[in-house]
Protein backbone atom coordinates (compact mmCIF):
# COMPACT_ATOMS: atom_id res chain seq x y z
CA MET A 1 -41.98 131.17 89.36
CA ARG A 2 -42.94 133.73 91.98
CA LYS A 3 -46.29 133.08 93.67
CA ILE A 4 -47.79 136.28 94.97
CA GLY A 5 -51.00 136.82 96.91
CA ILE A 6 -52.79 140.11 96.32
CA THR A 7 -55.10 141.23 99.12
CA GLY A 8 -56.66 144.33 100.63
CA GLY A 9 -59.91 145.70 101.91
CA VAL A 10 -63.00 146.23 99.82
CA GLY A 11 -62.62 149.19 97.46
CA ALA A 12 -58.82 149.25 97.68
CA GLY A 13 -58.48 148.94 93.90
CA LYS A 14 -57.17 145.40 93.51
CA SER A 15 -58.80 145.14 90.05
CA ILE A 16 -56.71 147.87 88.43
CA ILE A 17 -53.60 146.18 89.76
CA LEU A 18 -54.62 142.81 88.35
CA ASP A 19 -55.40 144.40 84.98
CA TYR A 20 -51.94 145.93 84.89
CA LEU A 21 -50.21 142.70 85.90
CA ARG A 22 -52.06 140.72 83.21
CA THR A 23 -50.67 142.98 80.50
CA HIS A 24 -47.18 143.71 81.83
CA CYS A 25 -45.70 140.36 82.78
CA HIS A 26 -45.85 136.69 81.84
CA CYS A 27 -48.28 135.62 84.52
CA MET A 28 -51.37 133.72 85.47
CA VAL A 29 -53.92 135.62 87.52
CA LEU A 30 -56.46 133.74 89.62
CA GLN A 31 -59.21 135.43 91.62
CA ALA A 32 -60.56 133.64 94.68
CA ASP A 33 -64.14 134.80 94.14
CA GLU A 34 -64.26 133.43 90.59
CA LEU A 35 -62.74 130.14 91.73
CA ALA A 36 -65.25 129.89 94.60
CA TRP A 37 -68.15 130.52 92.22
CA LYS A 38 -66.91 127.70 89.99
CA LEU A 39 -66.72 125.37 93.00
CA GLU A 40 -70.29 126.38 93.89
CA GLU A 41 -71.71 125.35 90.50
CA PRO A 42 -74.19 122.42 90.59
CA ASP A 43 -71.44 119.94 89.72
CA GLY A 44 -68.95 121.51 92.15
CA PRO A 45 -67.92 120.24 95.58
CA CYS A 46 -69.38 123.22 97.48
CA TYR A 47 -72.86 123.12 95.95
CA GLN A 48 -74.64 120.51 98.06
CA PRO A 49 -72.91 121.35 101.36
CA LEU A 50 -73.99 124.99 100.97
CA ILE A 51 -77.59 123.98 100.23
CA ASP A 52 -77.54 121.63 103.22
CA LEU A 53 -76.32 124.51 105.39
CA LEU A 54 -78.43 127.41 104.09
CA GLY A 55 -81.43 125.73 102.45
CA GLU A 56 -82.83 125.72 98.93
CA GLY A 57 -83.81 129.37 99.31
CA ILE A 58 -80.31 130.29 98.08
CA LEU A 59 -81.06 128.79 94.65
CA GLY A 60 -82.18 130.75 91.64
CA ASP A 61 -84.75 129.55 89.10
CA ASP A 62 -81.93 127.83 87.20
CA GLN A 63 -81.10 125.76 90.32
CA LYS A 64 -77.71 127.46 90.60
CA ILE A 65 -76.65 129.21 93.78
CA ASP A 66 -77.79 132.83 93.61
CA HIS A 67 -75.01 134.79 95.31
CA GLY A 68 -77.34 137.64 96.22
CA LYS A 69 -79.67 135.22 98.02
CA MET A 70 -76.73 133.47 99.65
CA SER A 71 -75.36 136.82 100.89
CA ALA A 72 -78.77 137.70 102.32
CA ALA A 73 -78.92 134.33 104.13
CA ILE A 74 -75.52 134.99 105.69
CA PHE A 75 -75.67 138.74 106.37
CA GLY A 76 -75.57 139.53 110.06
CA ARG A 77 -75.16 135.87 111.01
CA ALA A 78 -71.55 135.29 112.07
CA ASP A 79 -72.24 131.59 112.71
CA ARG A 80 -73.47 131.06 109.16
CA LEU A 81 -70.59 133.03 107.68
CA LEU A 82 -68.09 130.89 109.58
CA ALA A 83 -69.82 127.72 108.44
CA VAL A 84 -69.82 128.87 104.79
CA ASN A 85 -66.15 129.76 105.04
CA ASP A 86 -65.41 126.34 106.54
CA ILE A 87 -66.93 124.76 103.43
CA VAL A 88 -65.54 127.06 100.76
CA HIS A 89 -62.10 128.21 101.92
CA PRO A 90 -60.35 124.81 102.18
CA LEU A 91 -61.54 123.85 98.69
CA VAL A 92 -60.50 127.20 97.21
CA LYS A 93 -57.08 126.82 98.83
CA ARG A 94 -56.66 123.28 97.49
CA GLU A 95 -57.73 124.19 93.95
CA ALA A 96 -55.62 127.36 93.92
CA GLY A 97 -52.60 125.28 94.92
CA LYS A 98 -53.23 122.92 92.00
CA ILE A 99 -53.65 125.82 89.58
CA ALA A 100 -50.42 127.43 90.84
CA ALA A 101 -48.55 124.15 90.28
CA GLN A 102 -49.93 123.99 86.73
CA ALA A 103 -48.93 127.61 86.10
CA GLU A 104 -45.37 126.75 87.12
CA ALA A 105 -45.36 123.67 84.88
CA ASP A 106 -46.62 125.86 82.03
CA GLY A 107 -43.63 128.18 82.45
CA PHE A 108 -45.25 131.33 83.80
CA ASP A 109 -42.93 133.78 85.56
CA PHE A 110 -45.58 134.81 88.08
CA PHE A 111 -48.73 133.41 89.65
CA PHE A 112 -50.94 136.08 91.21
CA PHE A 113 -53.74 134.97 93.52
CA GLU A 114 -56.16 137.73 94.48
CA ALA A 115 -58.27 137.16 97.55
CA ALA A 116 -59.84 139.67 99.90
CA LEU A 117 -59.65 136.98 102.61
CA LEU A 118 -56.22 135.68 101.63
CA ILE A 119 -54.93 135.76 105.19
CA GLU A 120 -58.13 134.75 107.01
CA SER A 121 -58.60 131.73 104.72
CA THR A 122 -54.93 130.69 105.18
CA CYS A 123 -54.52 130.87 101.40
CA ASP A 124 -51.43 132.98 102.10
CA GLU A 125 -49.76 129.62 102.81
CA ILE A 126 -49.77 128.74 99.10
CA VAL A 127 -47.93 131.90 97.99
CA ASP A 128 -44.36 133.10 98.49
CA GLU A 129 -45.22 136.78 99.03
CA VAL A 130 -48.24 138.81 100.12
CA TRP A 131 -48.87 142.20 98.50
CA TYR A 132 -51.35 144.37 100.38
CA VAL A 133 -53.25 146.98 98.38
CA TYR A 134 -53.78 149.99 100.60
CA ALA A 135 -56.14 152.88 99.95
CA PRO A 136 -57.29 155.43 102.53
CA ARG A 137 -60.64 154.54 104.12
CA LYS A 138 -62.28 157.73 102.86
CA GLU A 139 -61.16 156.96 99.27
CA ARG A 140 -62.43 153.37 99.51
CA MET A 141 -65.82 154.55 100.77
CA LYS A 142 -66.10 157.06 97.94
CA ARG A 143 -65.22 154.41 95.32
CA LEU A 144 -67.71 151.87 96.64
CA MET A 145 -70.57 154.36 96.89
CA ARG A 146 -69.83 155.77 93.43
CA ASP A 147 -68.89 152.60 91.52
CA ARG A 148 -71.05 149.95 93.19
CA GLY A 149 -73.91 152.07 94.46
CA TYR A 150 -73.41 150.94 98.06
CA THR A 151 -74.87 152.96 100.90
CA ARG A 152 -72.54 154.36 103.54
CA GLU A 153 -74.05 151.89 106.05
CA LYS A 154 -73.33 148.92 103.79
CA VAL A 155 -69.74 150.05 103.20
CA CYS A 156 -69.18 150.48 106.94
CA ALA A 157 -70.64 147.04 107.67
CA ILE A 158 -68.40 145.37 105.08
CA MET A 159 -65.30 147.19 106.30
CA ALA A 160 -66.07 146.29 109.90
CA GLY A 161 -65.92 142.61 108.96
CA GLN A 162 -62.49 142.84 107.32
CA LEU A 163 -58.99 142.81 108.75
CA SER A 164 -57.63 146.06 110.08
CA GLU A 165 -54.98 147.96 108.18
CA LYS A 166 -52.49 147.03 110.90
CA ALA A 167 -53.28 143.31 110.49
CA PHE A 168 -52.83 143.52 106.71
CA ARG A 169 -49.55 145.40 107.06
CA THR A 170 -48.23 142.93 109.65
CA ARG A 171 -48.60 140.04 107.20
CA ALA A 172 -47.69 141.90 103.98
CA ASP A 173 -44.31 141.59 102.29
CA ARG A 174 -45.13 144.63 100.14
CA VAL A 175 -47.66 147.45 100.43
CA ILE A 176 -49.08 148.97 97.24
CA THR A 177 -50.43 152.43 97.93
CA ASN A 178 -53.43 153.11 95.70
CA ASP A 179 -54.63 156.60 96.56
CA GLY A 180 -55.97 157.29 93.06
CA ASP A 181 -52.65 158.06 91.33
CA THR A 182 -52.44 155.11 88.91
CA GLY A 183 -49.03 156.21 87.65
CA LYS A 184 -47.66 155.85 91.18
CA VAL A 185 -49.27 152.40 91.48
CA TYR A 186 -47.73 151.25 88.20
CA ARG A 187 -44.27 152.50 89.17
CA GLN A 188 -44.46 150.49 92.40
CA LEU A 189 -45.43 147.37 90.48
CA ASP A 190 -42.73 147.81 87.83
CA LYS A 191 -40.09 148.03 90.56
CA TRP A 192 -41.24 144.82 92.22
CA LEU A 193 -41.68 142.80 89.04
CA THR A 194 -37.98 142.91 88.18
């Protein structure tokens, strides 16, 4: 089984790639954000440590962590972001490793692990290859403002906190160019899946 990490900056178009992979090969797809949210549920190992760190103000009325409130508590506070990452990333990495092992035992041909912070969280250590999804900065900004309703300032702030294109390319085994031509993206994937 090939274990492949999918990463790239915000707005690069990782979702369309994952959708294609799900339907065109015998694979398991795991997304780091979804796994982290599961680990942050009230019965999960991240729940209490995050409350201890950030306070009960991050909880919604249902006593679950409200990710909007948690983001607000972290935004602009590098120390808090680092502390949150120190809680969440090791547990995501451990659980993703277990899920990858189960995918192999279940006979999947591929395990794809999508994580925007794949490299920063050292989750690239649990995969055999890293595929970097590249899209031009201007295209990413346009997508995020159009599809997510982000302001230009918010997009710039998010991008400033992510790895540079050079850093992604240095670590990547493959670069998927996603400049809006989905046919070109799919042809790249088809070539690498064989």
